[in-house]
Amino acid sequence: MSYLLLVCLGLVAAFFVSLPYGEFVHATYRTNLLVQDSLGNRTEA
């Protein structure tokens, strides 16, 4: 039982450690799309 608890806590800790990196990548991607949209360089899908 204690091993399962350690695995669960390890996964939760890894999620919280990696969360800011995912948000930063999303922010740069979103900023890039907004700049492209304002310049009119986006291709219509």
PDB file of N, CA and C in Angstrom:
ATOM      1  N   MET A   1       0.826  -1.203   0.000  1.00  0.00           N
ATOM      2  CA  MET A   1       0.000   0.000   0.000  1.00  0.00           C
ATOM      3  C   MET A   1       0.865   1.259   0.000  1.00  0.00           C
ATOM      4  N   SER A   2       1.956   1.232   0.732  1.00  0.00           N
ATOM      5  CA  SER A   2       2.796   2.423   0.792  1.00  0.00           C
ATOM      6  C   SER A   2       3.473   2.700  -0.553  1.00  0.00           C
ATOM      7  N   TYR A   3       3.756   1.626  -1.336  1.00  0.00           N
ATOM      8  CA  TYR A   3       4.354   1.835  -2.650  1.00  0.00           C
ATOM      9  C   TYR A   3       3.363   2.519  -3.591  1.00  0.00           C
ATOM     10  N   LEU A   4       2.110   2.120  -3.493  1.00  0.00           N
ATOM     11  CA  LEU A   4       1.088   2.752  -4.319  1.00  0.00           C
ATOM     12  C   LEU A   4       0.937   4.230  -3.955  1.00  0.00           C
ATOM     13  N   LEU A   5       1.005   4.542  -2.689  1.00  0.00           N
ATOM     14  CA  LEU A   5       0.932   5.934  -2.254  1.00  0.00           C
ATOM     15  C   LEU A   5       2.119   6.742  -2.777  1.00  0.00           C
ATOM     16  N   LEU A   6       3.303   6.156  -2.732  1.00  0.00           N
ATOM     17  CA  LEU A   6       4.492   6.849  -3.241  1.00  0.00           C
ATOM     18  C   LEU A   6       4.398   7.085  -4.745  1.00  0.00           C
ATOM     19  N   VAL A   7       3.882   6.109  -5.469  1.00  0.00           N
ATOM     20  CA  VAL A   7       3.725   6.272  -6.911  1.00  0.00           C
ATOM     21  C   VAL A   7       2.714   7.373  -7.205  1.00  0.00           C
ATOM     22  N   CYS A   8       1.613   7.371  -6.490  1.00  0.00           N
ATOM     23  CA  CYS A   8       0.583   8.388  -6.696  1.00  0.00           C
ATOM     24  C   CYS A   8       1.117   9.788  -6.375  1.00  0.00           C
ATOM     25  N   LEU A   9       1.784   9.929  -5.268  1.00  0.00           N
ATOM     26  CA  LEU A   9       2.338  11.228  -4.899  1.00  0.00           C
ATOM     27  C   LEU A   9       3.428  11.667  -5.878  1.00  0.00           C
ATOM     28  N   GLY A  10       4.202  10.719  -6.371  1.00  0.00           N
ATOM     29  CA  GLY A  10       5.222  11.037  -7.365  1.00  0.00           C
ATOM     30  C   GLY A  10       4.609  11.538  -8.666  1.00  0.00           C
ATOM     31  N   LEU A  11       3.511  10.919  -9.092  1.00  0.00           N
ATOM     32  CA  LEU A  11       2.833  11.371 -10.304  1.00  0.00           C
ATOM     33  C   LEU A  11       2.223  12.759 -10.132  1.00  0.00           C
ATOM     34  N   VAL A  12       1.638  13.001  -8.983  1.00  0.00           N
ATOM     35  CA  VAL A  12       1.064  14.322  -8.719  1.00  0.00           C
ATOM     36  C   VAL A  12       2.162  15.382  -8.670  1.00  0.00           C
ATOM     37  N   ALA A  13       3.281  15.068  -8.033  1.00  0.00           N
ATOM     38  CA  ALA A  13       4.397  16.017  -7.967  1.00  0.00           C
ATOM     39  C   ALA A  13       4.957  16.287  -9.363  1.00  0.00           C
ATOM     40  N   ALA A  14       5.082  15.239 -10.183  1.00  0.00           N
ATOM     41  CA  ALA A  14       5.587  15.421 -11.546  1.00  0.00           C
ATOM     42  C   ALA A  14       4.636  16.287 -12.363  1.00  0.00           C
ATOM     43  N   PHE A  15       3.335  16.126 -12.157  1.00  0.00           N
ATOM     44  CA  PHE A  15       2.363  16.947 -12.858  1.00  0.00           C
ATOM     45  C   PHE A  15       2.531  18.419 -12.495  1.00  0.00           C
ATOM     46  N   PHE A  16       2.670  18.713 -11.201  1.00  0.00           N
ATOM     47  CA  PHE A  16       2.807  20.101 -10.778  1.00  0.00           C
ATOM     48  C   PHE A  16       4.142  20.702 -11.195  1.00  0.00           C
ATOM     49  N   VAL A  17       5.187  19.887 -11.298  1.00  0.00           N
ATOM     50  CA  VAL A  17       6.481  20.400 -11.741  1.00  0.00           C
ATOM     51  C   VAL A  17       6.439  20.724 -13.230  1.00  0.00           C
ATOM     52  N   SER A  18       5.769  19.884 -14.019  1.00  0.00           N
ATOM     53  CA  SER A  18       5.747  20.083 -15.468  1.00  0.00           C
ATOM     54  C   SER A  18       4.663  21.053 -15.927  1.00  0.00           C
ATOM     55  N   LEU A  19       3.748  21.435 -15.069  1.00  0.00           N
ATOM     56  CA  LEU A  19       2.631  22.311 -15.458  1.00  0.00           C
ATOM     57  C   LEU A  19       3.079  23.662 -16.011  1.00  0.00           C
ATOM     58  N   PRO A  20       4.020  24.386 -15.386  1.00  0.00           N
ATOM     59  CA  PRO A  20       4.405  25.695 -15.929  1.00  0.00           C
ATOM     60  C   PRO A  20       5.004  25.601 -17.327  1.00  0.00           C
ATOM     61  N   TYR A  21       5.747  24.534 -17.615  1.00  0.00           N
ATOM     62  CA  TYR A  21       6.359  24.404 -18.924  1.00  0.00           C
ATOM     63  C   TYR A  21       5.300  24.248 -20.002  1.00  0.00           C
ATOM     64  N   GLY A  22       4.253  23.506 -19.722  1.00  0.00           N
ATOM     65  CA  GLY A  22       3.161  23.358 -20.671  1.00  0.00           C
ATOM     66  C   GLY A  22       2.449  24.673 -20.907  1.00  0.00           C
ATOM     67  N   GLU A  23       2.280  25.460 -19.859  1.00  0.00           N
ATOM     68  CA  GLU A  23       1.622  26.756 -19.995  1.00  0.00           C
ATOM     69  C   GLU A  23       2.488  27.731 -20.788  1.00  0.00           C
ATOM     70  N   PHE A  24       3.801  27.702 -20.570  1.00  0.00           N
ATOM     71  CA  PHE A  24       4.685  28.603 -21.306  1.00  0.00           C
ATOM     72  C   PHE A  24       4.699  28.262 -22.783  1.00  0.00           C
ATOM     73  N   VAL A  25       4.699  26.983 -23.107  1.00  0.00           N
ATOM     74  CA  VAL A  25       4.676  26.571 -24.503  1.00  0.00           C
ATOM     75  C   VAL A  25       3.364  27.004 -25.138  1.00  0.00           C
ATOM     76  N   HIS A  26       2.270  26.846 -24.416  1.00  0.00           N
ATOM     77  CA  HIS A  26       0.973  27.266 -24.938  1.00  0.00           C
ATOM     78  C   HIS A  26       0.936  28.776 -25.150  1.00  0.00           C
ATOM     79  N   ALA A  27       1.510  29.530 -24.239  1.00  0.00           N
ATOM     80  CA  ALA A  27       1.505  30.990 -24.363  1.00  0.00           C
ATOM     81  C   ALA A  27       2.306  31.443 -25.584  1.00  0.00           C
ATOM     82  N   THR A  28       3.447  30.831 -25.837  1.00  0.00           N
ATOM     83  CA  THR A  28       4.231  31.223 -27.007  1.00  0.00           C
ATOM     84  C   THR A  28       3.522  30.819 -28.294  1.00  0.00           C
ATOM     85  N   TYR A  29       2.882  29.663 -28.303  1.00  0.00           N
ATOM     86  CA  TYR A  29       2.134  29.232 -29.479  1.00  0.00           C
ATOM     87  C   TYR A  29       0.970  30.177 -29.745  1.00  0.00           C
ATOM     88  N   ARG A  30       0.263  30.545 -28.696  1.00  0.00           N
ATOM     89  CA  ARG A  30      -0.897  31.433 -28.836  1.00  0.00           C
ATOM     90  C   ARG A  30      -0.452  32.828 -29.296  1.00  0.00           C
ATOM     91  N   THR A  31       0.642  33.337 -28.748  1.00  0.00           N
ATOM     92  CA  THR A  31       1.152  34.644 -29.160  1.00  0.00           C
ATOM     93  C   THR A  31       1.556  34.621 -30.630  1.00  0.00           C
ATOM     94  N   ASN A  32       2.195  33.546 -31.059  1.00  0.00           N
ATOM     95  CA  ASN A  32       2.583  33.412 -32.450  1.00  0.00           C
ATOM     96  C   ASN A  32       1.356  33.437 -33.360  1.00  0.00           C
ATOM     97  N   LEU A  33       0.301  32.739 -32.982  1.00  0.00           N
ATOM     98  CA  LEU A  33      -0.918  32.737 -33.787  1.00  0.00           C
ATOM     99  C   LEU A  33      -1.584  34.110 -33.818  1.00  0.00           C
ATOM    100  N   LEU A  34      -1.574  34.815 -32.693  1.00  0.00           N
ATOM    101  CA  LEU A  34      -2.171  36.148 -32.667  1.00  0.00           C
ATOM    102  C   LEU A  34      -1.404  37.127 -33.548  1.00  0.00           C
ATOM    103  N   VAL A  35      -0.077  37.032 -33.550  1.00  0.00           N
ATOM    104  CA  VAL A  35       0.733  37.902 -34.404  1.00  0.00           C
ATOM    105  C   VAL A  35       0.480  37.574 -35.871  1.00  0.00           C
ATOM    106  N   GLN A  36       0.438  36.284 -36.202  1.00  0.00           N
ATOM    107  CA  GLN A  36       0.157  35.893 -37.582  1.00  0.00           C
ATOM    108  C   GLN A  36      -1.224  36.366 -38.017  1.00  0.00           C
ATOM    109  N   ASP A  37      -2.196  36.269 -37.136  1.00  0.00           N
ATOM    110  CA  ASP A  37      -3.550  36.697 -37.469  1.00  0.00           C
ATOM    111  C   ASP A  37      -3.612  38.207 -37.691  1.00  0.00           C
ATOM    112  N   SER A  38      -2.898  38.957 -36.881  1.00  0.00           N
ATOM    113  CA  SER A  38      -2.922  40.405 -37.034  1.00  0.00           C
ATOM    114  C   SER A  38      -2.204  40.834 -38.312  1.00  0.00           C
ATOM    115  N   LEU A  39      -1.225  40.062 -38.754  1.00  0.00           N
ATOM    116  CA  LEU A  39      -0.521  40.366 -39.994  1.00  0.00           C
ATOM    117  C   LEU A  39      -1.251  39.832 -41.218  1.00  0.00           C
ATOM    118  N   GLY A  40      -2.224  38.941 -41.013  1.00  0.00           N
ATOM    119  CA  GLY A  40      -2.974  38.374 -42.113  1.00  0.00           C
ATOM    120  C   GLY A  40      -2.237  37.276 -42.855  1.00  0.00           C
ATOM    121  N   ASN A  41      -1.295  36.627 -42.187  1.00  0.00           N
ATOM    122  CA  ASN A  41      -0.493  35.586 -42.835  1.00  0.00           C
ATOM    123  C   ASN A  41      -1.045  34.182 -42.620  1.00  0.00           C
ATOM    124  N   ARG A  42      -2.107  34.038 -41.887  1.00  0.00           N
ATOM    125  CA  ARG A  42      -2.632  32.688 -41.637  1.00  0.00           C
ATOM    126  C   ARG A  42      -3.369  32.177 -42.848  1.00  0.00           C
ATOM    127  N   THR A  43      -3.198  30.898 -43.112  1.00  0.00           N
ATOM    128  CA  THR A  43      -3.923  30.267 -44.217  1.00  0.00           C
ATOM    129  C   THR A  43      -5.232  29.740 -43.674  1.00  0.00           C
ATOM    130  N   GLU A  44      -6.265  29.867 -44.448  1.00  0.00           N
ATOM    131  CA  GLU A  44      -7.591  29.397 -44.018  1.00  0.00           C
ATOM    132  C   GLU A  44      -7.669  27.899 -44.197  1.00  0.00           C
ATOM    133  N   ALA A  45      -8.168  27.207 -43.197  1.00  0.00           N
ATOM    134  CA  ALA A  45      -8.261  25.751 -43.267  1.00  0.00           C
ATOM    135  C   ALA A  45      -9.577  25.323 -43.893  1.00  0.00           C
TER     136      ALA A  45
END
